[in-house]
Structures are given as structure tokens and as C-alpha cells.
Amino acid sequence: MRSFILLLTTVIGFSSLSFSQIKVSDKAVIKTPTIACDNCRDYIEFTLSKSEGVTSVKVDIKKKTTTVTWLTDRTTLNNIKTAIANIGYDADDIEAEPSAWRGLPKECKKHIPKPKAD
């Protein structure tokens, strides 16, 4: 009987512990009008997926959007938009960082004009 009570207490303890560690995520669709090719898609998906808190990235070239899911305790939507701009692409109301154009894949530079401020 003591074994059963000890086992039951342990199971309840682990159950309550797992409920307190549920991570909250959020999802947004970001307009990325400067993407134009598969290389743009691959570059954004690869680079953004390495950002802290980002759990998934899906770029739609035809719609010129990027759908991102992230953990809200690790990053924010504004941080994600800024990360996209810092790699050289417009993200909603945040314009691409002019100096990031040099780091874009060669094929993407054909579709995205060189910024004047660079």
C-alpha cells in the first residue's frame, strides 16, 4: 500500500511539473516583398530558423510572405522582422538593412537592386 501511495505521489508530482513548463508560442505572416526566387526562400528559412526562439519558418515566394512561429518567452515579432531586415529583405514596415545586400546570395542580387545608401 505504501508503494502505491508513493508511486501515485510521484506521478502527480511529475504531471504538475510538466504543466508548469508549457511553452507559449505565437505565429505571424510577415510581408516580405523583396523575395523573388528559391535562393531567397532558402536563405531566409535557413538563417531565420537559427534565430533564438524561432520554431518554424515557411516562405511563400508567390505570395511574398514569410510565416513564422516562435516561442514568446524567447523572442518577439519585432525581433523577427528585424532579423529578416538584417539579412537583406524587407519585412512588413521594416526596410532591409542596406549593408546586408552584400551578404545576399548572388542569384538574389539579380532580383533585388543595390540600395543607394550602401
PDB file of N, CA and C in Angstrom:
ATOM      1  N   MET A   1       0.819  -1.188   0.000  1.00  0.00           N
ATOM      2  CA  MET A   1       0.000   0.000   0.000  1.00  0.00           C
ATOM      3  C   MET A   1       0.871   1.263   0.000  1.00  0.00           C
ATOM      4  N   ARG A   2       1.960   1.232   0.791  1.00  0.00           N
ATOM      5  CA  ARG A   2       2.851   2.383   0.814  1.00  0.00           C
ATOM      6  C   ARG A   2       3.488   2.602  -0.565  1.00  0.00           C
ATOM      7  N   SER A   3       3.813   1.528  -1.226  1.00  0.00           N
ATOM      8  CA  SER A   3       4.413   1.630  -2.556  1.00  0.00           C
ATOM      9  C   SER A   3       3.454   2.303  -3.535  1.00  0.00           C
ATOM     10  N   PHE A   4       2.191   1.927  -3.427  1.00  0.00           N
ATOM     11  CA  PHE A   4       1.186   2.512  -4.309  1.00  0.00           C
ATOM     12  C   PHE A   4       1.042   4.010  -4.054  1.00  0.00           C
ATOM     13  N   ILE A   5       0.999   4.413  -2.796  1.00  0.00           N
ATOM     14  CA  ILE A   5       0.861   5.826  -2.455  1.00  0.00           C
ATOM     15  C   ILE A   5       2.094   6.607  -2.912  1.00  0.00           C
ATOM     16  N   LEU A   6       3.271   6.036  -2.730  1.00  0.00           N
ATOM     17  CA  LEU A   6       4.494   6.686  -3.171  1.00  0.00           C
ATOM     18  C   LEU A   6       4.505   6.841  -4.697  1.00  0.00           C
ATOM     19  N   LEU A   7       4.099   5.797  -5.390  1.00  0.00           N
ATOM     20  CA  LEU A   7       4.027   5.844  -6.848  1.00  0.00           C
ATOM     21  C   LEU A   7       3.020   6.892  -7.313  1.00  0.00           C
ATOM     22  N   LEU A   8       1.854   6.933  -6.691  1.00  0.00           N
ATOM     23  CA  LEU A   8       0.818   7.893  -7.041  1.00  0.00           C
ATOM     24  C   LEU A   8       1.293   9.323  -6.789  1.00  0.00           C
ATOM     25  N   THR A   9       1.963   9.558  -5.702  1.00  0.00           N
ATOM     26  CA  THR A   9       2.501  10.880  -5.380  1.00  0.00           C
ATOM     27  C   THR A   9       3.546  11.302  -6.416  1.00  0.00           C
ATOM     28  N   THR A  10       4.391  10.380  -6.813  1.00  0.00           N
ATOM     29  CA  THR A  10       5.418  10.671  -7.805  1.00  0.00           C
ATOM     30  C   THR A  10       4.800  11.030  -9.155  1.00  0.00           C
ATOM     31  N   VAL A  11       3.806  10.273  -9.576  1.00  0.00           N
ATOM     32  CA  VAL A  11       3.143  10.531 -10.856  1.00  0.00           C
ATOM     33  C   VAL A  11       2.456  11.892 -10.840  1.00  0.00           C
ATOM     34  N   ILE A  12       1.769  12.213  -9.768  1.00  0.00           N
ATOM     35  CA  ILE A  12       1.097  13.507  -9.656  1.00  0.00           C
ATOM     36  C   ILE A  12       2.122  14.638  -9.658  1.00  0.00           C
ATOM     37  N   GLY A  13       3.235  14.440  -8.995  1.00  0.00           N
ATOM     38  CA  GLY A  13       4.296  15.450  -8.965  1.00  0.00           C
ATOM     39  C   GLY A  13       4.863  15.719 -10.336  1.00  0.00           C
ATOM     40  N   PHE A  14       5.152  14.676 -11.088  1.00  0.00           N
ATOM     41  CA  PHE A  14       5.672  14.862 -12.451  1.00  0.00           C
ATOM     42  C   PHE A  14       4.632  15.480 -13.367  1.00  0.00           C
ATOM     43  N   SER A  15       3.372  15.135 -13.193  1.00  0.00           N
ATOM     44  CA  SER A  15       2.310  15.703 -14.021  1.00  0.00           C
ATOM     45  C   SER A  15       2.196  17.207 -13.804  1.00  0.00           C
ATOM     46  N   SER A  16       2.216  17.630 -12.564  1.00  0.00           N
ATOM     47  CA  SER A  16       2.098  19.060 -12.284  1.00  0.00           C
ATOM     48  C   SER A  16       3.348  19.810 -12.745  1.00  0.00           C
ATOM     49  N   LEU A  17       4.500  19.152 -12.698  1.00  0.00           N
ATOM     50  CA  LEU A  17       5.732  19.771 -13.157  1.00  0.00           C
ATOM     51  C   LEU A  17       5.684  20.012 -14.661  1.00  0.00           C
ATOM     52  N   SER A  18       5.155  19.063 -15.409  1.00  0.00           N
ATOM     53  CA  SER A  18       5.092  19.215 -16.864  1.00  0.00           C
ATOM     54  C   SER A  18       4.100  20.289 -17.278  1.00  0.00           C
ATOM     55  N   PHE A  19       3.019  20.493 -16.538  1.00  0.00           N
ATOM     56  CA  PHE A  19       2.065  21.544 -16.868  1.00  0.00           C
ATOM     57  C   PHE A  19       2.671  22.926 -16.672  1.00  0.00           C
ATOM     58  N   SER A  20       3.555  23.077 -15.705  1.00  0.00           N
ATOM     59  CA  SER A  20       4.140  24.386 -15.432  1.00  0.00           C
ATOM     60  C   SER A  20       5.211  24.752 -16.460  1.00  0.00           C
ATOM     61  N   GLN A  21       5.624  23.808 -17.293  1.00  0.00           N
ATOM     62  CA  GLN A  21       6.669  24.079 -18.265  1.00  0.00           C
ATOM     63  C   GLN A  21       6.158  24.144 -19.703  1.00  0.00           C
ATOM     64  N   ILE A  22       4.864  24.393 -19.857  1.00  0.00           N
ATOM     65  CA  ILE A  22       4.293  24.530 -21.194  1.00  0.00           C
ATOM     66  C   ILE A  22       4.783  25.843 -21.788  1.00  0.00           C
ATOM     67  N   LYS A  23       5.337  25.776 -22.972  1.00  0.00           N
ATOM     68  CA  LYS A  23       5.867  26.964 -23.636  1.00  0.00           C
ATOM     69  C   LYS A  23       4.790  27.547 -24.539  1.00  0.00           C
ATOM     70  N   VAL A  24       4.654  28.860 -24.504  1.00  0.00           N
ATOM     71  CA  VAL A  24       3.650  29.558 -25.296  1.00  0.00           C
ATOM     72  C   VAL A  24       4.301  30.013 -26.594  1.00  0.00           C
ATOM     73  N   SER A  25       3.631  29.713 -27.696  1.00  0.00           N
ATOM     74  CA  SER A  25       4.160  30.136 -28.992  1.00  0.00           C
ATOM     75  C   SER A  25       3.146  31.033 -29.691  1.00  0.00           C
ATOM     76  N   ASP A  26       3.638  31.744 -30.667  1.00  0.00           N
ATOM     77  CA  ASP A  26       2.798  32.629 -31.464  1.00  0.00           C
ATOM     78  C   ASP A  26       3.176  32.440 -32.929  1.00  0.00           C
ATOM     79  N   LYS A  27       2.306  32.909 -33.811  1.00  0.00           N
ATOM     80  CA  LYS A  27       2.524  32.724 -35.248  1.00  0.00           C
ATOM     81  C   LYS A  27       2.110  34.001 -35.965  1.00  0.00           C
ATOM     82  N   ALA A  28       2.865  34.368 -37.004  1.00  0.00           N
ATOM     83  CA  ALA A  28       2.529  35.562 -37.788  1.00  0.00           C
ATOM     84  C   ALA A  28       2.925  35.357 -39.242  1.00  0.00           C
ATOM     85  N   VAL A  29       2.225  36.062 -40.106  1.00  0.00           N
ATOM     86  CA  VAL A  29       2.558  36.097 -41.526  1.00  0.00           C
ATOM     87  C   VAL A  29       3.132  37.485 -41.800  1.00  0.00           C
ATOM     88  N   ILE A  30       4.379  37.515 -42.245  1.00  0.00           N
ATOM     89  CA  ILE A  30       5.101  38.764 -42.480  1.00  0.00           C
ATOM     90  C   ILE A  30       5.213  38.989 -43.987  1.00  0.00           C
ATOM     91  N   LYS A  31       4.891  40.191 -44.434  1.00  0.00           N
ATOM     92  CA  LYS A  31       5.050  40.529 -45.851  1.00  0.00           C
ATOM     93  C   LYS A  31       6.535  40.721 -46.131  1.00  0.00           C
ATOM     94  N   THR A  32       7.051  39.956 -47.080  1.00  0.00           N
ATOM     95  CA  THR A  32       8.456  40.060 -47.496  1.00  0.00           C
ATOM     96  C   THR A  32       8.482  40.287 -49.012  1.00  0.00           C
ATOM     97  N   PRO A  33       8.208  41.529 -49.432  1.00  0.00           N
ATOM     98  CA  PRO A  33       8.019  41.813 -50.856  1.00  0.00           C
ATOM     99  C   PRO A  33       9.268  41.715 -51.713  1.00  0.00           C
ATOM    100  N   THR A  34      10.451  41.686 -51.119  1.00  0.00           N
ATOM    101  CA  THR A  34      11.668  41.653 -51.935  1.00  0.00           C
ATOM    102  C   THR A  34      12.154  40.236 -52.235  1.00  0.00           C
ATOM    103  N   ILE A  35      11.464  39.206 -51.741  1.00  0.00           N
ATOM    104  CA  ILE A  35      11.872  37.847 -52.105  1.00  0.00           C
ATOM    105  C   ILE A  35      11.423  37.563 -53.532  1.00  0.00           C
ATOM    106  N   ALA A  36      12.286  36.854 -54.275  1.00  0.00           N
ATOM    107  CA  ALA A  36      11.956  36.658 -55.685  1.00  0.00           C
ATOM    108  C   ALA A  36      12.272  35.266 -56.221  1.00  0.00           C
ATOM    109  N   CYS A  37      13.030  34.457 -55.469  1.00  0.00           N
ATOM    110  CA  CYS A  37      13.446  33.174 -56.037  1.00  0.00           C
ATOM    111  C   CYS A  37      13.623  32.124 -54.935  1.00  0.00           C
ATOM    112  N   ASP A  38      13.932  30.911 -55.370  1.00  0.00           N
ATOM    113  CA  ASP A  38      14.145  29.814 -54.422  1.00  0.00           C
ATOM    114  C   ASP A  38      15.327  30.085 -53.497  1.00  0.00           C
ATOM    115  N   ASN A  39      16.343  30.767 -54.008  1.00  0.00           N
ATOM    116  CA  ASN A  39      17.501  31.081 -53.172  1.00  0.00           C
ATOM    117  C   ASN A  39      17.126  32.049 -52.056  1.00  0.00           C
ATOM    118  N   CYS A  40      16.266  33.018 -52.369  1.00  0.00           N
ATOM    119  CA  CYS A  40      15.778  33.940 -51.338  1.00  0.00           C
ATOM    120  C   CYS A  40      15.055  33.141 -50.252  1.00  0.00           C
ATOM    121  N   ARG A  41      14.159  32.261 -50.703  1.00  0.00           N
ATOM    122  CA  ARG A  41      13.404  31.435 -49.765  1.00  0.00           C
ATOM    123  C   ARG A  41      14.335  30.620 -48.879  1.00  0.00           C
ATOM    124  N   ASP A  42      15.265  29.920 -49.498  1.00  0.00           N
ATOM    125  CA  ASP A  42      16.183  29.071 -48.741  1.00  0.00           C
ATOM    126  C   ASP A  42      17.025  29.872 -47.762  1.00  0.00           C
ATOM    127  N   TYR A  43      17.482  31.034 -48.204  1.00  0.00           N
ATOM    128  CA  TYR A  43      18.331  31.880 -47.361  1.00  0.00           C
ATOM    129  C   TYR A  43      17.574  32.382 -46.129  1.00  0.00           C
ATOM    130  N   ILE A  44      16.343  32.851 -46.349  1.00  0.00           N
ATOM    131  CA  ILE A  44      15.543  33.327 -45.218  1.00  0.00           C
ATOM    132  C   ILE A  44      15.198  32.172 -44.284  1.00  0.00           C
ATOM    133  N   GLU A  45      14.722  31.057 -44.836  1.00  0.00           N
ATOM    134  CA  GLU A  45      14.330  29.926 -43.987  1.00  0.00           C
ATOM    135  C   GLU A  45      15.512  29.409 -43.176  1.00  0.00           C
ATOM    136  N   PHE A  46      16.669  29.257 -43.804  1.00  0.00           N
ATOM    137  CA  PHE A  46      17.840  28.741 -43.106  1.00  0.00           C
ATOM    138  C   PHE A  46      18.306  29.708 -42.021  1.00  0.00           C
ATOM    139  N   THR A  47      18.464  30.974 -42.388  1.00  0.00           N
ATOM    140  CA  THR A  47      19.003  31.963 -41.454  1.00  0.00           C
ATOM    141  C   THR A  47      18.043  32.227 -40.302  1.00  0.00           C
ATOM    142  N   LEU A  48      16.779  32.395 -40.599  1.00  0.00           N
ATOM    143  CA  LEU A  48      15.807  32.708 -39.557  1.00  0.00           C
ATOM    144  C   LEU A  48      15.571  31.525 -38.624  1.00  0.00           C
ATOM    145  N   SER A  49      15.660  30.307 -39.152  1.00  0.00           N
ATOM    146  CA  SER A  49      15.458  29.132 -38.293  1.00  0.00           C
ATOM    147  C   SER A  49      16.545  29.002 -37.233  1.00  0.00           C
ATOM    148  N   LYS A  50      17.678  29.670 -37.438  1.00  0.00           N
ATOM    149  CA  LYS A  50      18.774  29.656 -36.460  1.00  0.00           C
ATOM    150  C   LYS A  50      18.578  30.703 -35.359  1.00  0.00           C
ATOM    151  N   SER A  51      17.609  31.588 -35.516  1.00  0.00           N
ATOM    152  CA  SER A  51      17.354  32.633 -34.528  1.00  0.00           C
ATOM    153  C   SER A  51      16.757  32.032 -33.262  1.00  0.00           C
ATOM    154  N   GLU A  52      17.159  32.565 -32.129  1.00  0.00           N
ATOM    155  CA  GLU A  52      16.675  32.048 -30.850  1.00  0.00           C
ATOM    156  C   GLU A  52      15.162  32.219 -30.747  1.00  0.00           C
ATOM    157  N   GLY A  53      14.489  31.158 -30.367  1.00  0.00           N
ATOM    158  CA  GLY A  53      13.054  31.182 -30.149  1.00  0.00           C
ATOM    159  C   GLY A  53      12.213  30.850 -31.361  1.00  0.00           C
ATOM    160  N   VAL A  54      12.785  30.902 -32.552  1.00  0.00           N
ATOM    161  CA  VAL A  54      12.028  30.613 -33.773  1.00  0.00           C
ATOM    162  C   VAL A  54      11.891  29.097 -33.904  1.00  0.00           C
ATOM    163  N   THR A  55      10.649  28.627 -34.039  1.00  0.00           N
ATOM    164  CA  THR A  55      10.414  27.182 -34.121  1.00  0.00           C
ATOM    165  C   THR A  55      10.091  26.707 -35.530  1.00  0.00           C
ATOM    166  N   SER A  56       9.571  27.601 -36.388  1.00  0.00           N
ATOM    167  CA  SER A  56       9.355  27.215 -37.784  1.00  0.00           C
ATOM    168  C   SER A  56       9.307  28.456 -38.674  1.00  0.00           C
ATOM    169  N   VAL A  57       9.741  28.252 -39.921  1.00  0.00           N
ATOM    170  CA  VAL A  57       9.763  29.332 -40.917  1.00  0.00           C
ATOM    171  C   VAL A  57       9.321  28.739 -42.249  1.00  0.00           C
ATOM    172  N   LYS A  58       8.390  29.411 -42.908  1.00  0.00           N
ATOM    173  CA  LYS A  58       7.921  28.966 -44.219  1.00  0.00           C
ATOM    174  C   LYS A  58       7.742  30.189 -45.110  1.00  0.00           C
ATOM    175  N   VAL A  59       8.523  30.240 -46.191  1.00  0.00           N
ATOM    176  CA  VAL A  59       8.459  31.365 -47.124  1.00  0.00           C
ATOM    177  C   VAL A  59       7.631  30.961 -48.336  1.00  0.00           C
ATOM    178  N   ASP A  60       6.697  31.820 -48.704  1.00  0.00           N
ATOM    179  CA  ASP A  60       5.878  31.613 -49.895  1.00  0.00           C
ATOM    180  C   ASP A  60       6.302  32.662 -50.921  1.00  0.00           C
ATOM    181  N   ILE A  61       6.994  32.212 -51.964  1.00  0.00           N
ATOM    182  CA  ILE A  61       7.534  33.127 -52.973  1.00  0.00           C
ATOM    183  C   ILE A  61       6.413  33.826 -53.749  1.00  0.00           C
ATOM    184  N   LYS A  62       5.387  33.084 -54.142  1.00  0.00           N
ATOM    185  CA  LYS A  62       4.304  33.667 -54.947  1.00  0.00           C
ATOM    186  C   LYS A  62       3.535  34.741 -54.185  1.00  0.00           C
ATOM    187  N   LYS A  63       3.254  34.476 -52.910  1.00  0.00           N
ATOM    188  CA  LYS A  63       2.521  35.444 -52.090  1.00  0.00           C
ATOM    189  C   LYS A  63       3.441  36.504 -51.488  1.00  0.00           C
ATOM    190  N   LYS A  64       4.764  36.247 -51.562  1.00  0.00           N
ATOM    191  CA  LYS A  64       5.776  37.140 -50.988  1.00  0.00           C
ATOM    192  C   LYS A  64       5.527  37.362 -49.495  1.00  0.00           C
ATOM    193  N   THR A  65       5.357  36.209 -48.803  1.00  0.00           N
ATOM    194  CA  THR A  65       5.152  36.244 -47.359  1.00  0.00           C
ATOM    195  C   THR A  65       6.057  35.232 -46.674  1.00  0.00           C
ATOM    196  N   THR A  66       6.292  35.471 -45.398  1.00  0.00           N
ATOM    197  CA  THR A  66       7.049  34.545 -44.564  1.00  0.00           C
ATOM    198  C   THR A  66       6.218  34.264 -43.319  1.00  0.00           C
ATOM    199  N   THR A  67       5.883  32.997 -43.105  1.00  0.00           N
ATOM    200  CA  THR A  67       5.124  32.600 -41.934  1.00  0.00           C
ATOM    201  C   THR A  67       6.097  32.078 -40.893  1.00  0.00           C
ATOM    202  N   VAL A  68       6.036  32.654 -39.695  1.00  0.00           N
ATOM    203  CA  VAL A  68       6.981  32.315 -38.644  1.00  0.00           C
ATOM    204  C   VAL A  68       6.225  31.943 -37.372  1.00  0.00           C
ATOM    205  N   THR A  69       6.702  30.892 -36.704  1.00  0.00           N
ATOM    206  CA  THR A  69       6.201  30.506 -35.387  1.00  0.00           C
ATOM    207  C   THR A  69       7.371  30.623 -34.424  1.00  0.00           C
ATOM    208  N   TRP A  70       7.101  31.182 -33.233  1.00  0.00           N
ATOM    209  CA  TRP A  70       8.177  31.401 -32.266  1.00  0.00           C
ATOM    210  C   TRP A  70       7.667  31.232 -30.838  1.00  0.00           C
ATOM    211  N   LEU A  71       8.619  31.045 -29.920  1.00  0.00           N
ATOM    212  CA  LEU A  71       8.309  30.958 -28.502  1.00  0.00           C
ATOM    213  C   LEU A  71       8.300  32.372 -27.937  1.00  0.00           C
ATOM    214  N   THR A  72       7.201  32.752 -27.328  1.00  0.00           N
ATOM    215  CA  THR A  72       7.034  34.135 -26.890  1.00  0.00           C
ATOM    216  C   THR A  72       7.946  34.517 -25.724  1.00  0.00           C
ATOM    217  N   ASP A  73       8.457  33.539 -25.009  1.00  0.00           N
ATOM    218  CA  ASP A  73       9.368  33.871 -23.909  1.00  0.00           C
ATOM    219  C   ASP A  73      10.817  34.015 -24.384  1.00  0.00           C
ATOM    220  N   ARG A  74      11.069  33.779 -25.668  1.00  0.00           N
ATOM    221  CA  ARG A  74      12.426  33.857 -26.211  1.00  0.00           C
ATOM    222  C   ARG A  74      12.646  35.002 -27.194  1.00  0.00           C
ATOM    223  N   THR A  75      11.589  35.404 -27.917  1.00  0.00           N
ATOM    224  CA  THR A  75      11.738  36.475 -28.903  1.00  0.00           C
ATOM    225  C   THR A  75      10.394  37.144 -29.143  1.00  0.00           C
ATOM    226  N   THR A  76      10.408  38.169 -29.972  1.00  0.00           N
ATOM    227  CA  THR A  76       9.187  38.912 -30.300  1.00  0.00           C
ATOM    228  C   THR A  76       9.045  39.019 -31.813  1.00  0.00           C
ATOM    229  N   LEU A  77       7.863  39.403 -32.244  1.00  0.00           N
ATOM    230  CA  LEU A  77       7.616  39.586 -33.677  1.00  0.00           C
ATOM    231  C   LEU A  77       8.527  40.678 -34.232  1.00  0.00           C
ATOM    232  N   ASN A  78       8.715  41.751 -33.486  1.00  0.00           N
ATOM    233  CA  ASN A  78       9.578  42.833 -33.958  1.00  0.00           C
ATOM    234  C   ASN A  78      11.022  42.353 -34.122  1.00  0.00           C
ATOM    235  N   ASN A  79      11.510  41.505 -33.211  1.00  0.00           N
ATOM    236  CA  ASN A  79      12.861  40.949 -33.333  1.00  0.00           C
ATOM    237  C   ASN A  79      12.986  40.103 -34.596  1.00  0.00           C
ATOM    238  N   ILE A  80      11.951  39.358 -34.921  1.00  0.00           N
ATOM    239  CA  ILE A  80      11.969  38.502 -36.104  1.00  0.00           C
ATOM    240  C   ILE A  80      11.987  39.356 -37.379  1.00  0.00           C
ATOM    241  N   LYS A  81      11.153  40.396 -37.408  1.00  0.00           N
ATOM    242  CA  LYS A  81      11.144  41.300 -38.566  1.00  0.00           C
ATOM    243  C   LYS A  81      12.513  41.969 -38.735  1.00  0.00           C
ATOM    244  N   THR A  82      13.100  42.373 -37.620  1.00  0.00           N
ATOM    245  CA  THR A  82      14.419  42.999 -37.661  1.00  0.00           C
ATOM    246  C   THR A  82      15.466  42.019 -38.170  1.00  0.00           C
ATOM    247  N   ALA A  83      15.361  40.762 -37.764  1.00  0.00           N
ATOM    248  CA  ALA A  83      16.300  39.737 -38.234  1.00  0.00           C
ATOM    249  C   ALA A  83      16.190  39.562 -39.748  1.00  0.00           C
ATOM    250  N   ILE A  84      14.979  39.580 -40.273  1.00  0.00           N
ATOM    251  CA  ILE A  84      14.779  39.471 -41.723  1.00  0.00           C
ATOM    252  C   ILE A  84      15.399  40.683 -42.424  1.00  0.00           C
ATOM    253  N   ALA A  85      15.166  41.870 -41.883  1.00  0.00           N
ATOM    254  CA  ALA A  85      15.735  43.092 -42.470  1.00  0.00           C
ATOM    255  C   ALA A  85      17.262  43.080 -42.400  1.00  0.00           C
ATOM    256  N   ASN A  86      17.801  42.520 -41.325  1.00  0.00           N
ATOM    257  CA  ASN A  86      19.259  42.488 -41.164  1.00  0.00           C
ATOM    258  C   ASN A  86      19.948  41.516 -42.114  1.00  0.00           C
ATOM    259  N   ILE A  87      19.197  40.602 -42.713  1.00  0.00           N
ATOM    260  CA  ILE A  87      19.821  39.713 -43.705  1.00  0.00           C
ATOM    261  C   ILE A  87      19.585  40.202 -45.128  1.00  0.00           C
ATOM    262  N   GLY A  88      18.832  41.324 -45.269  1.00  0.00           N
ATOM    263  CA  GLY A  88      18.734  41.957 -46.579  1.00  0.00           C
ATOM    264  C   GLY A  88      17.374  41.992 -47.243  1.00  0.00           C
ATOM    265  N   TYR A  89      16.310  41.680 -46.518  1.00  0.00           N
ATOM    266  CA  TYR A  89      14.974  41.655 -47.114  1.00  0.00           C
ATOM    267  C   TYR A  89      14.026  42.554 -46.321  1.00  0.00           C
ATOM    268  N   ASP A  90      13.085  43.202 -47.010  1.00  0.00           N
ATOM    269  CA  ASP A  90      12.065  43.986 -46.329  1.00  0.00           C
ATOM    270  C   ASP A  90      11.148  43.039 -45.563  1.00  0.00           C
ATOM    271  N   ALA A  91      10.673  43.506 -44.399  1.00  0.00           N
ATOM    272  CA  ALA A  91       9.777  42.709 -43.570  1.00  0.00           C
ATOM    273  C   ALA A  91       8.686  43.619 -43.017  1.00  0.00           C
ATOM    274  N   ASP A  92       7.499  43.539 -43.605  1.00  0.00           N
ATOM    275  CA  ASP A  92       6.385  44.429 -43.260  1.00  0.00           C
ATOM    276  C   ASP A  92       6.856  45.880 -43.343  1.00  0.00           C
ATOM    277  N   ASP A  93       6.839  46.585 -42.234  1.00  0.00           N
ATOM    278  CA  ASP A  93       7.178  48.009 -42.224  1.00  0.00           C
ATOM    279  C   ASP A  93       8.667  48.281 -41.990  1.00  0.00           C
ATOM    280  N   ILE A  94       9.474  47.249 -41.862  1.00  0.00           N
ATOM    281  CA  ILE A  94      10.905  47.410 -41.623  1.00  0.00           C
ATOM    282  C   ILE A  94      11.664  47.158 -42.933  1.00  0.00           C
ATOM    283  N   GLU A  95      12.377  48.183 -43.384  1.00  0.00           N
ATOM    284  CA  GLU A  95      13.125  48.056 -44.635  1.00  0.00           C
ATOM    285  C   GLU A  95      14.417  47.279 -44.428  1.00  0.00           C
ATOM    286  N   ALA A  96      14.857  46.636 -45.483  1.00  0.00           N
ATOM    287  CA  ALA A  96      16.095  45.856 -45.442  1.00  0.00           C
ATOM    288  C   ALA A  96      17.278  46.746 -45.083  1.00  0.00           C
ATOM    289  N   GLU A  97      18.198  46.189 -44.339  1.00  0.00           N
ATOM    290  CA  GLU A  97      19.428  46.894 -43.986  1.00  0.00           C
ATOM    291  C   GLU A  97      20.279  47.030 -45.249  1.00  0.00           C
ATOM    292  N   PRO A  98      20.613  48.261 -45.658  1.00  0.00           N
ATOM    293  CA  PRO A  98      21.360  48.454 -46.915  1.00  0.00           C
ATOM    294  C   PRO A  98      22.688  47.685 -46.964  1.00  0.00           C
ATOM    295  N   SER A  99      23.399  47.620 -45.857  1.00  0.00           N
ATOM    296  CA  SER A  99      24.698  46.934 -45.864  1.00  0.00           C
ATOM    297  C   SER A  99      24.557  45.415 -45.980  1.00  0.00           C
ATOM    298  N   ALA A 100      23.361  44.890 -45.740  1.00  0.00           N
ATOM    299  CA  ALA A 100      23.152  43.443 -45.816  1.00  0.00           C
ATOM    300  C   ALA A 100      23.065  42.945 -47.252  1.00  0.00           C
ATOM    301  N   TRP A 101      22.875  43.833 -48.196  1.00  0.00           N
ATOM    302  CA  TRP A 101      22.752  43.445 -49.606  1.00  0.00           C
ATOM    303  C   TRP A 101      23.973  42.648 -50.069  1.00  0.00           C
ATOM    304  N   ARG A 102      25.157  43.030 -49.590  1.00  0.00           N
ATOM    305  CA  ARG A 102      26.380  42.315 -49.993  1.00  0.00           C
ATOM    306  C   ARG A 102      26.371  40.851 -49.570  1.00  0.00           C
ATOM    307  N   GLY A 103      25.670  40.531 -48.480  1.00  0.00           N
ATOM    308  CA  GLY A 103      25.638  39.163 -47.984  1.00  0.00           C
ATOM    309  C   GLY A 103      24.587  38.274 -48.624  1.00  0.00           C
ATOM    310  N   LEU A 104      23.756  38.855 -49.470  1.00  0.00           N
ATOM    311  CA  LEU A 104      22.720  38.057 -50.125  1.00  0.00           C
ATOM    312  C   LEU A 104      23.342  37.070 -51.112  1.00  0.00           C
ATOM    313  N   PRO A 105      22.681  35.939 -51.346  1.00  0.00           N
ATOM    314  CA  PRO A 105      23.161  35.025 -52.381  1.00  0.00           C
ATOM    315  C   PRO A 105      23.246  35.742 -53.727  1.00  0.00           C
ATOM    316  N   LYS A 106      24.226  35.386 -54.535  1.00  0.00           N
ATOM    317  CA  LYS A 106      24.485  36.038 -55.821  1.00  0.00           C
ATOM    318  C   LYS A 106      23.238  36.068 -56.700  1.00  0.00           C
ATOM    319  N   GLU A 107      22.490  34.987 -56.729  1.00  0.00           N
ATOM    320  CA  GLU A 107      21.292  34.911 -57.567  1.00  0.00           C
ATOM    321  C   GLU A 107      20.226  35.906 -57.118  1.00  0.00           C
ATOM    322  N   CYS A 108      20.156  36.142 -55.813  1.00  0.00           N
ATOM    323  CA  CYS A 108      19.142  37.064 -55.276  1.00  0.00           C
ATOM    324  C   CYS A 108      19.470  38.508 -55.614  1.00  0.00           C
ATOM    325  N   LYS A 109      20.744  38.813 -55.708  1.00  0.00           N
ATOM    326  CA  LYS A 109      21.152  40.184 -56.031  1.00  0.00           C
ATOM    327  C   LYS A 109      20.663  40.596 -57.417  1.00  0.00           C
ATOM    328  N   LYS A 110      20.418  39.623 -58.279  1.00  0.00           N
ATOM    329  CA  LYS A 110      19.903  39.923 -59.612  1.00  0.00           C
ATOM    330  C   LYS A 110      18.485  40.491 -59.532  1.00  0.00           C
ATOM    331  N   HIS A 111      17.729  40.053 -58.523  1.00  0.00           N
ATOM    332  CA  HIS A 111      16.329  40.448 -58.375  1.00  0.00           C
ATOM    333  C   HIS A 111      16.137  41.653 -57.463  1.00  0.00           C
ATOM    334  N   ILE A 112      17.107  41.897 -56.597  1.00  0.00           N
ATOM    335  CA  ILE A 112      16.989  42.973 -55.619  1.00  0.00           C
ATOM    336  C   ILE A 112      18.015  44.048 -55.966  1.00  0.00           C
ATOM    337  N   PRO A 113      17.569  45.236 -56.322  1.00  0.00           N
ATOM    338  CA  PRO A 113      18.527  46.284 -56.694  1.00  0.00           C
ATOM    339  C   PRO A 113      19.392  46.694 -55.503  1.00  0.00           C
ATOM    340  N   LYS A 114      20.610  47.078 -55.784  1.00  0.00           N
ATOM    341  CA  LYS A 114      21.539  47.516 -54.759  1.00  0.00           C
ATOM    342  C   LYS A 114      21.013  48.811 -54.129  1.00  0.00           C
ATOM    343  N   PRO A 115      20.913  48.869 -52.808  1.00  0.00           N
ATOM    344  CA  PRO A 115      20.418  50.092 -52.157  1.00  0.00           C
ATOM    345  C   PRO A 115      21.362  51.263 -52.399  1.00  0.00           C
ATOM    346  N   LYS A 116      20.809  52.447 -52.486  1.00  0.00           N
ATOM    347  CA  LYS A 116      21.606  53.652 -52.740  1.00  0.00           C
ATOM    348  C   LYS A 116      22.446  54.033 -51.528  1.00  0.00           C
ATOM    349  N   ALA A 117      21.997  53.703 -50.340  1.00  0.00           N
ATOM    350  CA  ALA A 117      22.704  54.092 -49.115  1.00  0.00           C
ATOM    351  C   ALA A 117      23.940  53.233 -48.867  1.00  0.00           C
ATOM    352  N   ASP A 118      24.153  52.187 -49.648  1.00  0.00           N
ATOM    353  CA  ASP A 118      25.267  51.257 -49.430  1.00  0.00           C
ATOM    354  C   ASP A 118      26.536  51.746 -50.054  1.00  0.00           C
TER     355      ASP A 118
END
